[in-house]
Amino acid sequence: MAAAARVRVVLRTVKEIIVQFCPFESNVRGAREFLAAVGTEKARLTNSNCRIVADVKHDETEPVVSVTFNDGERLVMKAANLTSREMLSFFHERCFAKDPQAYEKASKKSH
């Protein structure tokens, strides 16, 4: 989780994040760590209107992270074979492409 925590999470362009997983499967670590990273108080303060949902199942469901952006675009990551760092990196790229100024402001505040 320490490596995943280093990525700055800015939810300004995000409407909703749904992380779906079965906690009894062995391949859910990345999805759980991604959920922990986007659910931090610091990340949530970047967009209080962003809805973050943990959809915990008990049916051997493959872990999936579904992100809906404010412009309606959806990003779906099948998390079974992805690390939290890979998912956060891709999530960061999509958010940065939609609003580069949000990351510039966030990096200035953290210094």
N, C-alpha and C. Protein backbone atom coordinates (compact mmCIF):
# COMPACT_ATOMS: atom_id res chain seq x y z
N MET A 1 0.82 -1.20 0.00
CA MET A 1 0.00 0.00 0.00
C MET A 1 0.86 1.25 0.00
N ALA A 2 2.05 1.20 0.54
CA ALA A 2 2.89 2.39 0.64
C ALA A 2 3.19 2.97 -0.73
N ALA A 3 3.45 2.11 -1.71
CA ALA A 3 3.73 2.61 -3.06
C ALA A 3 2.50 3.26 -3.67
N ALA A 4 1.35 2.69 -3.41
CA ALA A 4 0.11 3.24 -3.96
C ALA A 4 -0.22 4.59 -3.32
N ALA A 5 0.14 4.76 -2.07
CA ALA A 5 -0.19 5.99 -1.35
C ALA A 5 0.60 7.19 -1.86
N ARG A 6 1.69 6.96 -2.56
CA ARG A 6 2.51 8.07 -3.06
C ARG A 6 1.88 8.79 -4.24
N VAL A 7 0.97 8.15 -4.93
CA VAL A 7 0.30 8.78 -6.06
C VAL A 7 -0.75 9.75 -5.53
N ARG A 8 -0.68 11.00 -5.96
CA ARG A 8 -1.62 12.03 -5.52
C ARG A 8 -2.96 11.79 -6.19
N VAL A 9 -4.01 11.61 -5.41
CA VAL A 9 -5.34 11.35 -5.94
C VAL A 9 -6.16 12.64 -5.89
N VAL A 10 -6.62 13.08 -7.06
CA VAL A 10 -7.48 14.25 -7.17
C VAL A 10 -8.76 13.81 -7.86
N LEU A 11 -9.88 13.95 -7.17
CA LEU A 11 -11.16 13.45 -7.68
C LEU A 11 -12.00 14.54 -8.34
N ARG A 12 -11.42 15.66 -8.66
CA ARG A 12 -12.16 16.80 -9.18
C ARG A 12 -12.98 16.47 -10.43
N THR A 13 -12.47 15.63 -11.31
CA THR A 13 -13.16 15.31 -12.56
C THR A 13 -14.02 14.06 -12.47
N VAL A 14 -14.13 13.49 -11.27
CA VAL A 14 -14.80 12.19 -11.11
C VAL A 14 -16.17 12.36 -10.46
N LYS A 15 -17.15 11.68 -11.06
CA LYS A 15 -18.51 11.70 -10.53
C LYS A 15 -18.74 10.53 -9.57
N GLU A 16 -18.23 9.33 -9.95
CA GLU A 16 -18.50 8.13 -9.15
C GLU A 16 -17.41 7.08 -9.36
N ILE A 17 -17.06 6.39 -8.28
CA ILE A 17 -16.14 5.26 -8.34
C ILE A 17 -16.81 4.08 -7.66
N ILE A 18 -16.89 2.96 -8.37
CA ILE A 18 -17.44 1.73 -7.78
C ILE A 18 -16.35 0.67 -7.83
N VAL A 19 -16.01 0.14 -6.66
CA VAL A 19 -15.03 -0.93 -6.57
C VAL A 19 -15.78 -2.18 -6.15
N GLN A 20 -15.80 -3.17 -7.05
CA GLN A 20 -16.56 -4.40 -6.81
C GLN A 20 -15.59 -5.55 -6.63
N PHE A 21 -15.76 -6.33 -5.56
CA PHE A 21 -14.86 -7.46 -5.33
C PHE A 21 -15.47 -8.44 -4.34
N CYS A 22 -14.95 -9.66 -4.37
CA CYS A 22 -15.30 -10.68 -3.39
C CYS A 22 -14.09 -10.79 -2.46
N PRO A 23 -14.24 -10.47 -1.19
CA PRO A 23 -13.08 -10.42 -0.29
C PRO A 23 -12.43 -11.77 -0.03
N PHE A 24 -13.09 -12.85 -0.40
CA PHE A 24 -12.55 -14.17 -0.14
C PHE A 24 -11.69 -14.70 -1.28
N GLU A 25 -11.58 -13.94 -2.36
CA GLU A 25 -10.73 -14.33 -3.48
C GLU A 25 -9.31 -13.84 -3.23
N SER A 26 -8.35 -14.49 -3.86
CA SER A 26 -6.94 -14.14 -3.61
C SER A 26 -6.45 -12.98 -4.48
N ASN A 27 -7.22 -12.58 -5.49
CA ASN A 27 -6.76 -11.57 -6.44
C ASN A 27 -7.38 -10.19 -6.24
N VAL A 28 -7.77 -9.87 -5.02
CA VAL A 28 -8.47 -8.60 -4.78
C VAL A 28 -7.61 -7.53 -4.12
N ARG A 29 -6.36 -7.83 -3.87
CA ARG A 29 -5.52 -6.88 -3.15
C ARG A 29 -5.45 -5.52 -3.85
N GLY A 30 -5.22 -5.52 -5.15
CA GLY A 30 -5.11 -4.26 -5.90
C GLY A 30 -6.38 -3.43 -5.81
N ALA A 31 -7.53 -4.08 -5.93
CA ALA A 31 -8.82 -3.37 -5.85
C ALA A 31 -9.03 -2.77 -4.47
N ARG A 32 -8.68 -3.52 -3.43
CA ARG A 32 -8.86 -3.02 -2.06
C ARG A 32 -7.92 -1.85 -1.78
N GLU A 33 -6.69 -1.95 -2.26
CA GLU A 33 -5.74 -0.85 -2.06
C GLU A 33 -6.15 0.39 -2.85
N PHE A 34 -6.69 0.19 -4.07
CA PHE A 34 -7.19 1.32 -4.86
C PHE A 34 -8.32 2.01 -4.10
N LEU A 35 -9.24 1.22 -3.55
CA LEU A 35 -10.35 1.77 -2.78
C LEU A 35 -9.84 2.56 -1.57
N ALA A 36 -8.84 2.04 -0.91
CA ALA A 36 -8.26 2.73 0.25
C ALA A 36 -7.63 4.06 -0.17
N ALA A 37 -6.97 4.07 -1.32
CA ALA A 37 -6.29 5.29 -1.79
C ALA A 37 -7.28 6.39 -2.18
N VAL A 38 -8.36 6.03 -2.89
CA VAL A 38 -9.32 7.04 -3.31
C VAL A 38 -10.27 7.43 -2.18
N GLY A 39 -10.31 6.62 -1.13
CA GLY A 39 -11.21 6.89 -0.02
C GLY A 39 -10.58 7.68 1.12
N THR A 40 -9.34 8.09 0.96
CA THR A 40 -8.70 8.86 2.03
C THR A 40 -9.37 10.22 2.17
N GLU A 41 -9.26 10.78 3.34
CA GLU A 41 -9.88 12.09 3.59
C GLU A 41 -9.29 13.15 2.67
N LYS A 42 -7.98 13.08 2.45
CA LYS A 42 -7.30 14.05 1.59
C LYS A 42 -7.84 13.98 0.16
N ALA A 43 -8.04 12.77 -0.35
CA ALA A 43 -8.57 12.61 -1.71
C ALA A 43 -10.02 13.06 -1.78
N ARG A 44 -10.81 12.68 -0.79
CA ARG A 44 -12.24 13.03 -0.81
C ARG A 44 -12.46 14.54 -0.72
N LEU A 45 -11.55 15.27 -0.08
CA LEU A 45 -11.67 16.72 0.01
C LEU A 45 -11.52 17.41 -1.34
N THR A 46 -10.94 16.70 -2.34
CA THR A 46 -10.78 17.29 -3.66
C THR A 46 -12.09 17.30 -4.45
N ASN A 47 -13.09 16.54 -4.00
CA ASN A 47 -14.41 16.55 -4.63
C ASN A 47 -15.40 15.89 -3.67
N SER A 48 -16.09 16.69 -2.89
CA SER A 48 -17.03 16.15 -1.92
C SER A 48 -18.28 15.55 -2.56
N ASN A 49 -18.50 15.84 -3.84
CA ASN A 49 -19.66 15.29 -4.55
C ASN A 49 -19.38 13.94 -5.20
N CYS A 50 -18.13 13.51 -5.18
CA CYS A 50 -17.77 12.22 -5.78
C CYS A 50 -18.31 11.10 -4.90
N ARG A 51 -19.03 10.19 -5.53
CA ARG A 51 -19.61 9.05 -4.81
C ARG A 51 -18.65 7.87 -4.91
N ILE A 52 -18.23 7.33 -3.78
CA ILE A 52 -17.32 6.18 -3.76
C ILE A 52 -18.06 5.02 -3.12
N VAL A 53 -18.17 3.91 -3.87
CA VAL A 53 -18.95 2.76 -3.42
C VAL A 53 -18.08 1.52 -3.39
N ALA A 54 -18.11 0.79 -2.29
CA ALA A 54 -17.48 -0.52 -2.19
C ALA A 54 -18.60 -1.55 -2.34
N ASP A 55 -18.60 -2.25 -3.46
CA ASP A 55 -19.62 -3.27 -3.73
C ASP A 55 -19.01 -4.63 -3.41
N VAL A 56 -19.21 -5.09 -2.17
CA VAL A 56 -18.62 -6.33 -1.70
C VAL A 56 -19.59 -7.47 -2.00
N LYS A 57 -19.11 -8.46 -2.73
CA LYS A 57 -19.93 -9.60 -3.15
C LYS A 57 -19.39 -10.87 -2.51
N HIS A 58 -20.19 -11.91 -2.55
CA HIS A 58 -19.74 -13.22 -2.10
C HIS A 58 -20.13 -14.26 -3.15
N ASP A 59 -19.68 -14.01 -4.38
CA ASP A 59 -20.05 -14.90 -5.47
C ASP A 59 -18.88 -15.17 -6.42
N GLU A 60 -17.64 -15.04 -5.91
CA GLU A 60 -16.43 -15.26 -6.70
C GLU A 60 -16.33 -14.31 -7.88
N THR A 61 -16.91 -13.12 -7.74
CA THR A 61 -16.87 -12.10 -8.78
C THR A 61 -15.45 -11.61 -8.99
N GLU A 62 -15.09 -11.38 -10.24
CA GLU A 62 -13.78 -10.80 -10.56
C GLU A 62 -13.76 -9.35 -10.06
N PRO A 63 -12.67 -8.91 -9.44
CA PRO A 63 -12.62 -7.53 -8.96
C PRO A 63 -12.60 -6.53 -10.12
N VAL A 64 -13.46 -5.53 -10.02
CA VAL A 64 -13.59 -4.52 -11.08
C VAL A 64 -13.67 -3.14 -10.44
N VAL A 65 -12.94 -2.19 -11.03
CA VAL A 65 -13.02 -0.80 -10.62
C VAL A 65 -13.65 -0.03 -11.77
N SER A 66 -14.78 0.61 -11.49
CA SER A 66 -15.51 1.37 -12.51
C SER A 66 -15.55 2.83 -12.10
N VAL A 67 -15.02 3.69 -12.97
CA VAL A 67 -14.95 5.13 -12.69
C VAL A 67 -15.82 5.85 -13.72
N THR A 68 -16.72 6.71 -13.25
CA THR A 68 -17.53 7.55 -14.12
C THR A 68 -17.07 8.99 -13.92
N PHE A 69 -16.67 9.62 -15.02
CA PHE A 69 -16.20 11.00 -14.95
C PHE A 69 -17.36 11.97 -15.13
N ASN A 70 -17.14 13.22 -14.77
CA ASN A 70 -18.19 14.24 -14.87
C ASN A 70 -18.72 14.42 -16.28
N ASP A 71 -17.88 14.15 -17.29
CA ASP A 71 -18.32 14.31 -18.68
C ASP A 71 -19.03 13.08 -19.22
N GLY A 72 -19.24 12.07 -18.37
CA GLY A 72 -19.97 10.86 -18.78
C GLY A 72 -19.08 9.71 -19.22
N GLU A 73 -17.80 9.97 -19.46
CA GLU A 73 -16.89 8.91 -19.87
C GLU A 73 -16.72 7.91 -18.74
N ARG A 74 -16.57 6.62 -19.09
CA ARG A 74 -16.37 5.59 -18.08
C ARG A 74 -15.03 4.91 -18.29
N LEU A 75 -14.39 4.59 -17.19
CA LEU A 75 -13.15 3.83 -17.18
C LEU A 75 -13.41 2.59 -16.36
N VAL A 76 -13.24 1.41 -16.98
CA VAL A 76 -13.46 0.15 -16.27
C VAL A 76 -12.14 -0.61 -16.26
N MET A 77 -11.67 -0.92 -15.07
CA MET A 77 -10.42 -1.67 -14.92
C MET A 77 -10.71 -3.01 -14.27
N LYS A 78 -10.37 -4.08 -14.97
CA LYS A 78 -10.50 -5.42 -14.40
C LYS A 78 -9.27 -5.64 -13.53
N ALA A 79 -9.48 -5.64 -12.23
CA ALA A 79 -8.40 -5.53 -11.26
C ALA A 79 -7.73 -6.85 -10.89
N ALA A 80 -8.17 -7.95 -11.42
CA ALA A 80 -7.63 -9.25 -11.00
C ALA A 80 -6.12 -9.34 -11.22
N ASN A 81 -5.64 -8.80 -12.32
CA ASN A 81 -4.22 -8.92 -12.65
C ASN A 81 -3.51 -7.57 -12.67
N LEU A 82 -4.09 -6.57 -11.99
CA LEU A 82 -3.48 -5.25 -11.92
C LEU A 82 -3.12 -4.93 -10.47
N THR A 83 -2.02 -4.24 -10.29
CA THR A 83 -1.67 -3.78 -8.95
C THR A 83 -2.37 -2.45 -8.71
N SER A 84 -2.44 -2.05 -7.45
CA SER A 84 -3.06 -0.77 -7.13
C SER A 84 -2.26 0.36 -7.76
N ARG A 85 -0.97 0.21 -7.81
CA ARG A 85 -0.11 1.24 -8.42
C ARG A 85 -0.44 1.41 -9.90
N GLU A 86 -0.63 0.30 -10.62
CA GLU A 86 -0.97 0.38 -12.05
C GLU A 86 -2.32 1.05 -12.24
N MET A 87 -3.30 0.68 -11.42
CA MET A 87 -4.63 1.28 -11.55
C MET A 87 -4.61 2.76 -11.20
N LEU A 88 -3.91 3.13 -10.13
CA LEU A 88 -3.82 4.53 -9.75
C LEU A 88 -3.08 5.35 -10.80
N SER A 89 -2.08 4.76 -11.41
CA SER A 89 -1.33 5.45 -12.45
C SER A 89 -2.24 5.74 -13.66
N PHE A 90 -2.99 4.73 -14.09
CA PHE A 90 -3.88 4.93 -15.23
C PHE A 90 -5.01 5.90 -14.88
N PHE A 91 -5.53 5.79 -13.67
CA PHE A 91 -6.57 6.70 -13.19
C PHE A 91 -6.04 8.14 -13.19
N HIS A 92 -4.82 8.30 -12.70
CA HIS A 92 -4.18 9.62 -12.67
C HIS A 92 -4.04 10.19 -14.08
N GLU A 93 -3.61 9.37 -15.03
CA GLU A 93 -3.46 9.82 -16.43
C GLU A 93 -4.78 10.33 -16.99
N ARG A 94 -5.86 9.59 -16.76
CA ARG A 94 -7.17 9.99 -17.29
C ARG A 94 -7.64 11.29 -16.62
N CYS A 95 -7.49 11.38 -15.32
CA CYS A 95 -7.90 12.60 -14.60
C CYS A 95 -7.07 13.80 -15.04
N PHE A 96 -5.77 13.60 -15.21
CA PHE A 96 -4.88 14.69 -15.62
C PHE A 96 -5.25 15.16 -17.03
N ALA A 97 -5.59 14.23 -17.91
CA ALA A 97 -5.97 14.59 -19.28
C ALA A 97 -7.24 15.44 -19.30
N LYS A 98 -8.11 15.21 -18.34
CA LYS A 98 -9.37 15.95 -18.29
C LYS A 98 -9.22 17.31 -17.61
N ASP A 99 -8.29 17.44 -16.66
CA ASP A 99 -8.13 18.70 -15.93
C ASP A 99 -6.70 18.84 -15.41
N PRO A 100 -5.76 19.23 -16.28
CA PRO A 100 -4.36 19.36 -15.85
C PRO A 100 -4.17 20.40 -14.75
N GLN A 101 -4.99 21.42 -14.70
CA GLN A 101 -4.85 22.48 -13.69
C GLN A 101 -5.12 21.96 -12.29
N ALA A 102 -5.99 20.98 -12.14
CA ALA A 102 -6.30 20.43 -10.82
C ALA A 102 -5.05 19.82 -10.20
N TYR A 103 -4.22 19.16 -11.00
CA TYR A 103 -3.01 18.55 -10.47
C TYR A 103 -1.94 19.58 -10.19
N GLU A 104 -1.89 20.64 -10.98
CA GLU A 104 -0.93 21.71 -10.72
C GLU A 104 -1.25 22.38 -9.38
N LYS A 105 -2.52 22.64 -9.13
CA LYS A 105 -2.95 23.26 -7.87
C LYS A 105 -2.65 22.33 -6.69
N ALA A 106 -2.93 21.05 -6.86
CA ALA A 106 -2.72 20.07 -5.79
C ALA A 106 -1.25 19.94 -5.47
N SER A 107 -0.39 19.95 -6.48
CA SER A 107 1.04 19.80 -6.21
C SER A 107 1.61 21.05 -5.53
N LYS A 108 1.06 22.23 -5.83
CA LYS A 108 1.51 23.44 -5.17
C LYS A 108 1.11 23.46 -3.69
N LYS A 109 -0.07 22.91 -3.38
CA LYS A 109 -0.56 22.87 -2.00
C LYS A 109 0.25 21.90 -1.16
N SER A 110 0.73 20.81 -1.77
CA SER A 110 1.43 19.78 -1.01
C SER A 110 2.89 20.14 -0.73
N HIS A 111 3.41 21.19 -1.36
CA HIS A 111 4.81 21.59 -1.13
C HIS A 111 4.96 22.53 0.01
